[in-house]
Amino acid sequence: MAGIIRVLKSRPALIVSRLILGGIFIYAALDKIAHPDQFAEIVNNYKLLPPMLVNLVAITLPWLEVTAGFLLVAGIWVKDSAAIVGALLLVFITAISINLVRGLDFDCGCFSTAGSSKSSALLLLIRDLIFLLPVLHLLWFQPSVSR
């Protein structure tokens, strides 16, 4: 067990978690930033927000994703960025879960606004739960920066 903890605390393991998580979130944000109107339609299709908030979320969410992803890749404010990504994942998990329970067929808009990427909500949940693993890794083992 001590060997596993030593590996998880190692700089290379932490770098891998940062790069994977940051890269995923940067990639996920790019198409949404390029096509905010299409992403707004996807956000609206979740049927979770009042119409007046849909555009605000569709415009700000991708920029939050890309910023947190960039900070992770760059190794800046790692714990804070991981916490933001973790919070976003929890929001995504909640939104997907609600629509899974409702039985709605929806495009998650996770990596593309093309509108043809309907996936099983259960698979989306499992994927997002797996994405939480590097978040937890960074939150637990990334050394805190002295201030």
N, C-alpha and C. Protein backbone atom coordinates (compact mmCIF):
# COMPACT_ATOMS: atom_id res chain seq x y z
N MET A 1 0.82 -1.19 0.00
CA MET A 1 0.00 0.00 0.00
C MET A 1 0.87 1.26 0.00
N ALA A 2 1.95 1.24 0.76
CA ALA A 2 2.85 2.40 0.83
C ALA A 2 3.47 2.67 -0.55
N GLY A 3 3.72 1.61 -1.31
CA GLY A 3 4.27 1.77 -2.65
C GLY A 3 3.30 2.47 -3.58
N ILE A 4 2.03 2.13 -3.47
CA ILE A 4 1.00 2.76 -4.31
C ILE A 4 0.89 4.24 -3.96
N ILE A 5 0.89 4.54 -2.67
CA ILE A 5 0.81 5.94 -2.22
C ILE A 5 2.03 6.72 -2.73
N ARG A 6 3.19 6.11 -2.67
CA ARG A 6 4.41 6.76 -3.14
C ARG A 6 4.30 7.08 -4.63
N VAL A 7 3.76 6.15 -5.41
CA VAL A 7 3.59 6.38 -6.84
C VAL A 7 2.58 7.50 -7.08
N LEU A 8 1.45 7.48 -6.35
CA LEU A 8 0.42 8.51 -6.53
C LEU A 8 0.92 9.90 -6.17
N LYS A 9 1.86 9.97 -5.21
CA LYS A 9 2.42 11.25 -4.80
C LYS A 9 3.55 11.72 -5.72
N SER A 10 3.99 10.83 -6.59
CA SER A 10 5.14 11.16 -7.43
C SER A 10 4.80 12.27 -8.43
N ARG A 11 5.80 13.05 -8.73
CA ARG A 11 5.63 14.15 -9.68
C ARG A 11 5.14 13.66 -11.05
N PRO A 12 5.72 12.57 -11.60
CA PRO A 12 5.22 12.11 -12.91
C PRO A 12 3.74 11.72 -12.89
N ALA A 13 3.28 11.06 -11.84
CA ALA A 13 1.87 10.67 -11.76
C ALA A 13 0.97 11.90 -11.70
N LEU A 14 1.39 12.90 -10.95
CA LEU A 14 0.61 14.13 -10.84
C LEU A 14 0.58 14.88 -12.17
N ILE A 15 1.70 14.88 -12.88
CA ILE A 15 1.76 15.53 -14.19
C ILE A 15 0.83 14.83 -15.17
N VAL A 16 0.83 13.51 -15.16
CA VAL A 16 -0.05 12.76 -16.06
C VAL A 16 -1.52 13.11 -15.78
N SER A 17 -1.91 13.14 -14.51
CA SER A 17 -3.29 13.50 -14.17
C SER A 17 -3.63 14.91 -14.65
N ARG A 18 -2.70 15.84 -14.44
CA ARG A 18 -2.93 17.23 -14.87
C ARG A 18 -3.11 17.31 -16.38
N LEU A 19 -2.21 16.65 -17.11
CA LEU A 19 -2.24 16.72 -18.58
C LEU A 19 -3.48 16.05 -19.16
N ILE A 20 -3.83 14.91 -18.63
CA ILE A 20 -5.02 14.20 -19.13
C ILE A 20 -6.27 15.02 -18.86
N LEU A 21 -6.45 15.43 -17.63
CA LEU A 21 -7.65 16.18 -17.25
C LEU A 21 -7.70 17.53 -17.95
N GLY A 22 -6.59 18.25 -17.95
CA GLY A 22 -6.55 19.54 -18.61
C GLY A 22 -6.79 19.42 -20.10
N GLY A 23 -6.16 18.42 -20.72
CA GLY A 23 -6.34 18.21 -22.16
C GLY A 23 -7.78 17.88 -22.52
N ILE A 24 -8.42 17.06 -21.72
CA ILE A 24 -9.82 16.70 -21.97
C ILE A 24 -10.69 17.95 -21.92
N PHE A 25 -10.48 18.78 -20.92
CA PHE A 25 -11.33 19.96 -20.76
C PHE A 25 -11.04 21.04 -21.81
N ILE A 26 -9.80 21.16 -22.22
CA ILE A 26 -9.49 22.09 -23.31
C ILE A 26 -10.17 21.61 -24.59
N TYR A 27 -9.99 20.34 -24.91
CA TYR A 27 -10.59 19.78 -26.12
C TYR A 27 -12.12 19.92 -26.09
N ALA A 28 -12.72 19.63 -24.93
CA ALA A 28 -14.18 19.70 -24.82
C ALA A 28 -14.69 21.12 -25.03
N ALA A 29 -13.91 22.12 -24.67
CA ALA A 29 -14.37 23.50 -24.75
C ALA A 29 -14.26 24.10 -26.15
N LEU A 30 -13.33 23.63 -26.95
CA LEU A 30 -13.03 24.31 -28.22
C LEU A 30 -14.21 24.40 -29.17
N ASP A 31 -14.93 23.31 -29.38
CA ASP A 31 -16.07 23.33 -30.29
C ASP A 31 -17.21 24.18 -29.73
N LYS A 32 -17.38 24.15 -28.42
CA LYS A 32 -18.42 24.96 -27.78
C LYS A 32 -18.12 26.45 -27.93
N ILE A 33 -16.86 26.82 -27.80
CA ILE A 33 -16.46 28.22 -27.98
C ILE A 33 -16.66 28.64 -29.43
N ALA A 34 -16.35 27.75 -30.35
CA ALA A 34 -16.49 28.06 -31.78
C ALA A 34 -17.94 28.15 -32.23
N HIS A 35 -18.84 27.45 -31.54
CA HIS A 35 -20.25 27.39 -31.95
C HIS A 35 -21.17 27.64 -30.76
N PRO A 36 -21.15 28.84 -30.19
CA PRO A 36 -21.96 29.10 -28.99
C PRO A 36 -23.47 28.95 -29.23
N ASP A 37 -23.93 29.26 -30.43
CA ASP A 37 -25.36 29.13 -30.72
C ASP A 37 -25.80 27.67 -30.68
N GLN A 38 -25.00 26.79 -31.26
CA GLN A 38 -25.33 25.36 -31.23
C GLN A 38 -25.22 24.81 -29.82
N PHE A 39 -24.22 25.27 -29.06
CA PHE A 39 -24.09 24.80 -27.69
C PHE A 39 -25.25 25.30 -26.83
N ALA A 40 -25.74 26.51 -27.10
CA ALA A 40 -26.90 27.03 -26.36
C ALA A 40 -28.12 26.14 -26.60
N GLU A 41 -28.27 25.65 -27.82
CA GLU A 41 -29.39 24.75 -28.13
C GLU A 41 -29.25 23.44 -27.34
N ILE A 42 -28.03 22.93 -27.24
CA ILE A 42 -27.79 21.70 -26.47
C ILE A 42 -28.10 21.94 -24.99
N VAL A 43 -27.63 23.06 -24.45
CA VAL A 43 -27.90 23.39 -23.04
C VAL A 43 -29.41 23.48 -22.83
N ASN A 44 -30.11 24.12 -23.74
CA ASN A 44 -31.57 24.25 -23.64
C ASN A 44 -32.25 22.88 -23.66
N ASN A 45 -31.72 21.95 -24.45
CA ASN A 45 -32.34 20.62 -24.57
C ASN A 45 -32.25 19.79 -23.30
N TYR A 46 -31.39 20.19 -22.37
CA TYR A 46 -31.35 19.51 -21.07
C TYR A 46 -32.60 19.80 -20.25
N LYS A 47 -33.28 20.89 -20.57
CA LYS A 47 -34.52 21.28 -19.88
C LYS A 47 -34.32 21.46 -18.38
N LEU A 48 -33.17 22.05 -18.00
CA LEU A 48 -32.87 22.25 -16.59
C LEU A 48 -32.78 23.72 -16.19
N LEU A 49 -32.59 24.60 -17.17
CA LEU A 49 -32.40 26.02 -16.88
C LEU A 49 -33.55 26.84 -17.43
N PRO A 50 -33.85 27.95 -16.75
CA PRO A 50 -34.82 28.87 -17.34
C PRO A 50 -34.23 29.45 -18.63
N PRO A 51 -35.06 29.71 -19.61
CA PRO A 51 -34.56 30.19 -20.91
C PRO A 51 -33.62 31.39 -20.81
N MET A 52 -33.84 32.26 -19.84
CA MET A 52 -33.00 33.46 -19.76
C MET A 52 -31.56 33.14 -19.33
N LEU A 53 -31.30 31.95 -18.78
CA LEU A 53 -29.95 31.58 -18.37
C LEU A 53 -29.20 30.72 -19.38
N VAL A 54 -29.90 30.21 -20.36
CA VAL A 54 -29.30 29.28 -21.31
C VAL A 54 -28.12 29.91 -22.05
N ASN A 55 -28.30 31.09 -22.61
CA ASN A 55 -27.22 31.73 -23.36
C ASN A 55 -26.04 32.07 -22.46
N LEU A 56 -26.31 32.55 -21.25
CA LEU A 56 -25.24 32.88 -20.32
C LEU A 56 -24.39 31.64 -20.02
N VAL A 57 -25.05 30.52 -19.76
CA VAL A 57 -24.32 29.28 -19.47
C VAL A 57 -23.57 28.81 -20.72
N ALA A 58 -24.21 28.90 -21.87
CA ALA A 58 -23.59 28.43 -23.11
C ALA A 58 -22.35 29.25 -23.47
N ILE A 59 -22.33 30.50 -23.07
CA ILE A 59 -21.18 31.34 -23.39
C ILE A 59 -20.08 31.20 -22.34
N THR A 60 -20.45 31.14 -21.07
CA THR A 60 -19.43 31.14 -20.01
C THR A 60 -18.86 29.75 -19.70
N LEU A 61 -19.66 28.72 -19.77
CA LEU A 61 -19.20 27.37 -19.40
C LEU A 61 -17.97 26.92 -20.19
N PRO A 62 -17.96 27.05 -21.53
CA PRO A 62 -16.76 26.61 -22.26
C PRO A 62 -15.50 27.39 -21.89
N TRP A 63 -15.65 28.67 -21.59
CA TRP A 63 -14.49 29.47 -21.21
C TRP A 63 -13.98 29.06 -19.83
N LEU A 64 -14.87 28.67 -18.96
CA LEU A 64 -14.45 28.14 -17.66
C LEU A 64 -13.72 26.82 -17.85
N GLU A 65 -14.24 25.97 -18.73
CA GLU A 65 -13.60 24.68 -19.03
C GLU A 65 -12.20 24.88 -19.60
N VAL A 66 -12.07 25.74 -20.60
CA VAL A 66 -10.78 25.93 -21.25
C VAL A 66 -9.78 26.59 -20.31
N THR A 67 -10.24 27.51 -19.48
CA THR A 67 -9.33 28.16 -18.54
C THR A 67 -8.83 27.18 -17.49
N ALA A 68 -9.74 26.43 -16.90
CA ALA A 68 -9.33 25.42 -15.90
C ALA A 68 -8.42 24.39 -16.55
N GLY A 69 -8.74 23.96 -17.76
CA GLY A 69 -7.90 22.99 -18.47
C GLY A 69 -6.51 23.54 -18.74
N PHE A 70 -6.43 24.78 -19.20
CA PHE A 70 -5.14 25.40 -19.47
C PHE A 70 -4.32 25.51 -18.19
N LEU A 71 -4.94 25.93 -17.10
CA LEU A 71 -4.22 26.06 -15.83
C LEU A 71 -3.69 24.71 -15.36
N LEU A 72 -4.47 23.65 -15.57
CA LEU A 72 -3.99 22.32 -15.20
C LEU A 72 -2.79 21.91 -16.05
N VAL A 73 -2.90 22.11 -17.36
CA VAL A 73 -1.79 21.74 -18.25
C VAL A 73 -0.54 22.55 -17.90
N ALA A 74 -0.73 23.82 -17.58
CA ALA A 74 0.40 24.69 -17.26
C ALA A 74 0.93 24.47 -15.84
N GLY A 75 0.18 23.76 -15.02
CA GLY A 75 0.62 23.51 -13.65
C GLY A 75 0.44 24.71 -12.73
N ILE A 76 -0.50 25.58 -13.07
CA ILE A 76 -0.78 26.78 -12.30
C ILE A 76 -2.06 26.57 -11.50
N TRP A 77 -2.01 26.90 -10.21
CA TRP A 77 -3.18 26.75 -9.33
C TRP A 77 -3.84 25.38 -9.53
N VAL A 78 -3.04 24.34 -9.43
CA VAL A 78 -3.49 22.99 -9.77
C VAL A 78 -4.67 22.55 -8.91
N LYS A 79 -4.57 22.69 -7.60
CA LYS A 79 -5.67 22.23 -6.74
C LYS A 79 -6.94 23.03 -7.00
N ASP A 80 -6.80 24.34 -7.18
CA ASP A 80 -7.98 25.16 -7.46
C ASP A 80 -8.61 24.78 -8.79
N SER A 81 -7.77 24.59 -9.80
CA SER A 81 -8.28 24.21 -11.12
C SER A 81 -8.92 22.83 -11.09
N ALA A 82 -8.30 21.91 -10.36
CA ALA A 82 -8.88 20.57 -10.24
C ALA A 82 -10.22 20.64 -9.51
N ALA A 83 -10.33 21.50 -8.53
CA ALA A 83 -11.60 21.66 -7.81
C ALA A 83 -12.68 22.21 -8.73
N ILE A 84 -12.31 23.16 -9.59
CA ILE A 84 -13.28 23.71 -10.55
C ILE A 84 -13.73 22.62 -11.53
N VAL A 85 -12.77 21.86 -12.05
CA VAL A 85 -13.11 20.78 -12.98
C VAL A 85 -13.98 19.73 -12.26
N GLY A 86 -13.64 19.43 -11.02
CA GLY A 86 -14.46 18.48 -10.25
C GLY A 86 -15.88 18.99 -10.05
N ALA A 87 -16.01 20.27 -9.75
CA ALA A 87 -17.35 20.85 -9.58
C ALA A 87 -18.13 20.80 -10.90
N LEU A 88 -17.46 21.10 -12.01
CA LEU A 88 -18.10 21.01 -13.32
C LEU A 88 -18.56 19.59 -13.60
N LEU A 89 -17.69 18.63 -13.30
CA LEU A 89 -18.07 17.22 -13.52
C LEU A 89 -19.27 16.84 -12.68
N LEU A 90 -19.34 17.31 -11.45
CA LEU A 90 -20.49 17.01 -10.60
C LEU A 90 -21.77 17.64 -11.16
N VAL A 91 -21.66 18.83 -11.73
CA VAL A 91 -22.81 19.46 -12.38
C VAL A 91 -23.23 18.63 -13.59
N PHE A 92 -22.26 18.20 -14.39
CA PHE A 92 -22.57 17.38 -15.57
C PHE A 92 -23.21 16.06 -15.16
N ILE A 93 -22.66 15.43 -14.13
CA ILE A 93 -23.20 14.15 -13.64
C ILE A 93 -24.63 14.34 -13.17
N THR A 94 -24.89 15.43 -12.47
CA THR A 94 -26.25 15.71 -11.99
C THR A 94 -27.20 15.94 -13.16
N ALA A 95 -26.79 16.74 -14.13
CA ALA A 95 -27.65 17.03 -15.29
C ALA A 95 -27.95 15.76 -16.09
N ILE A 96 -26.95 14.96 -16.31
CA ILE A 96 -27.15 13.71 -17.05
C ILE A 96 -28.05 12.77 -16.26
N SER A 97 -27.83 12.68 -14.95
CA SER A 97 -28.65 11.80 -14.10
C SER A 97 -30.12 12.21 -14.12
N ILE A 98 -30.37 13.52 -14.02
CA ILE A 98 -31.75 14.00 -14.04
C ILE A 98 -32.43 13.61 -15.34
N ASN A 99 -31.74 13.80 -16.45
CA ASN A 99 -32.35 13.46 -17.73
C ASN A 99 -32.43 11.96 -17.96
N LEU A 100 -31.54 11.21 -17.36
CA LEU A 100 -31.63 9.75 -17.41
C LEU A 100 -32.90 9.30 -16.68
N VAL A 101 -33.13 9.86 -15.50
CA VAL A 101 -34.33 9.51 -14.73
C VAL A 101 -35.60 9.96 -15.47
N ARG A 102 -35.54 11.10 -16.12
CA ARG A 102 -36.68 11.61 -16.89
C ARG A 102 -36.95 10.79 -18.15
N GLY A 103 -35.96 10.03 -18.58
CA GLY A 103 -36.09 9.24 -19.79
C GLY A 103 -35.94 10.07 -21.06
N LEU A 104 -35.32 11.24 -20.95
CA LEU A 104 -35.13 12.10 -22.12
C LEU A 104 -33.97 11.61 -22.97
N ASP A 105 -34.16 11.71 -24.28
CA ASP A 105 -33.10 11.40 -25.23
C ASP A 105 -32.44 12.73 -25.58
N PHE A 106 -31.15 12.85 -25.31
CA PHE A 106 -30.49 14.14 -25.51
C PHE A 106 -29.06 13.95 -25.97
N ASP A 107 -28.55 14.99 -26.60
CA ASP A 107 -27.15 15.05 -27.01
C ASP A 107 -26.43 15.77 -25.89
N CYS A 108 -25.42 15.16 -25.32
CA CYS A 108 -24.75 15.76 -24.15
C CYS A 108 -23.99 17.01 -24.52
N GLY A 109 -23.52 17.15 -25.75
CA GLY A 109 -22.75 18.33 -26.13
C GLY A 109 -21.39 18.36 -25.47
N CYS A 110 -20.93 17.23 -25.03
CA CYS A 110 -19.69 17.15 -24.24
C CYS A 110 -18.45 17.54 -25.05
N PHE A 111 -18.32 17.01 -26.25
CA PHE A 111 -17.12 17.27 -27.05
C PHE A 111 -17.44 17.84 -28.42
N SER A 112 -18.71 17.92 -28.77
CA SER A 112 -19.07 18.43 -30.09
C SER A 112 -20.47 19.04 -30.05
N THR A 113 -20.64 20.09 -30.81
CA THR A 113 -21.96 20.70 -30.93
C THR A 113 -22.65 20.24 -32.21
N ALA A 114 -22.08 19.25 -32.89
CA ALA A 114 -22.60 18.80 -34.18
C ALA A 114 -24.01 18.24 -34.08
N GLY A 115 -24.41 17.78 -32.92
CA GLY A 115 -25.78 17.31 -32.74
C GLY A 115 -26.01 15.86 -33.07
N SER A 116 -24.97 15.14 -33.42
CA SER A 116 -25.17 13.74 -33.79
C SER A 116 -24.46 12.80 -32.83
N SER A 117 -24.07 13.31 -31.67
CA SER A 117 -23.27 12.48 -30.76
C SER A 117 -24.08 11.97 -29.57
N LYS A 118 -25.29 11.47 -29.85
CA LYS A 118 -26.10 10.93 -28.76
C LYS A 118 -25.46 9.65 -28.26
N SER A 119 -25.24 9.63 -26.94
CA SER A 119 -24.65 8.47 -26.31
C SER A 119 -25.56 8.01 -25.19
N SER A 120 -25.40 6.82 -24.77
CA SER A 120 -26.15 6.32 -23.64
C SER A 120 -25.84 7.18 -22.42
N ALA A 121 -26.89 7.65 -21.75
CA ALA A 121 -26.70 8.48 -20.56
C ALA A 121 -25.92 7.72 -19.50
N LEU A 122 -26.14 6.43 -19.42
CA LEU A 122 -25.42 5.63 -18.44
C LEU A 122 -23.92 5.61 -18.75
N LEU A 123 -23.56 5.49 -20.03
CA LEU A 123 -22.15 5.53 -20.42
C LEU A 123 -21.54 6.91 -20.15
N LEU A 124 -22.33 7.96 -20.36
CA LEU A 124 -21.85 9.32 -20.06
C LEU A 124 -21.58 9.46 -18.56
N LEU A 125 -22.46 8.91 -17.75
CA LEU A 125 -22.25 8.96 -16.30
C LEU A 125 -20.99 8.22 -15.89
N ILE A 126 -20.81 7.05 -16.44
CA ILE A 126 -19.62 6.26 -16.11
C ILE A 126 -18.36 7.02 -16.56
N ARG A 127 -18.39 7.58 -17.75
CA ARG A 127 -17.25 8.34 -18.25
C ARG A 127 -16.92 9.52 -17.33
N ASP A 128 -17.94 10.27 -16.94
CA ASP A 128 -17.70 11.43 -16.07
C ASP A 128 -17.22 11.00 -14.68
N LEU A 129 -17.70 9.88 -14.19
CA LEU A 129 -17.20 9.36 -12.91
C LEU A 129 -15.72 8.97 -13.03
N ILE A 130 -15.35 8.41 -14.17
CA ILE A 130 -13.94 8.07 -14.40
C ILE A 130 -13.10 9.35 -14.47
N PHE A 131 -13.64 10.40 -15.09
CA PHE A 131 -12.93 11.68 -15.15
C PHE A 131 -12.72 12.28 -13.76
N LEU A 132 -13.54 11.87 -12.80
CA LEU A 132 -13.35 12.36 -11.43
C LEU A 132 -12.11 11.77 -10.77
N LEU A 133 -11.63 10.63 -11.26
CA LEU A 133 -10.46 10.00 -10.64
C LEU A 133 -9.22 10.89 -10.66
N PRO A 134 -8.83 11.47 -11.82
CA PRO A 134 -7.67 12.37 -11.76
C PRO A 134 -7.94 13.63 -10.94
N VAL A 135 -9.19 14.07 -10.88
CA VAL A 135 -9.53 15.22 -10.02
C VAL A 135 -9.20 14.86 -8.57
N LEU A 136 -9.70 13.72 -8.13
CA LEU A 136 -9.45 13.29 -6.74
C LEU A 136 -7.96 13.08 -6.50
N HIS A 137 -7.28 12.52 -7.47
CA HIS A 137 -5.84 12.31 -7.36
C HIS A 137 -5.12 13.64 -7.11
N LEU A 138 -5.46 14.64 -7.90
CA LEU A 138 -4.81 15.95 -7.75
C LEU A 138 -5.20 16.64 -6.45
N LEU A 139 -6.47 16.52 -6.07
CA LEU A 139 -6.90 17.17 -4.83
C LEU A 139 -6.24 16.55 -3.61
N TRP A 140 -6.01 15.25 -3.62
CA TRP A 140 -5.43 14.57 -2.46
C TRP A 140 -3.91 14.63 -2.44
N PHE A 141 -3.27 14.52 -3.59
CA PHE A 141 -1.83 14.32 -3.59
C PHE A 141 -0.99 15.50 -4.12
N GLN A 142 -1.61 16.42 -4.82
CA GLN A 142 -0.85 17.58 -5.30
C GLN A 142 -0.41 18.41 -4.08
N PRO A 143 0.87 18.68 -3.96
CA PRO A 143 1.32 19.50 -2.84
C PRO A 143 0.70 20.89 -2.90
N SER A 144 0.34 21.40 -1.74
CA SER A 144 -0.21 22.76 -1.66
C SER A 144 0.90 23.76 -1.86
N VAL A 145 0.57 24.86 -2.48
CA VAL A 145 1.54 25.92 -2.71
C VAL A 145 1.56 26.80 -1.47
N SER A 146 2.76 27.09 -0.98
CA SER A 146 2.88 27.98 0.18
C SER A 146 2.56 29.40 -0.25
N ARG A 147 1.80 30.07 0.59
CA ARG A 147 1.43 31.46 0.26
C ARG A 147 1.96 32.39 1.28
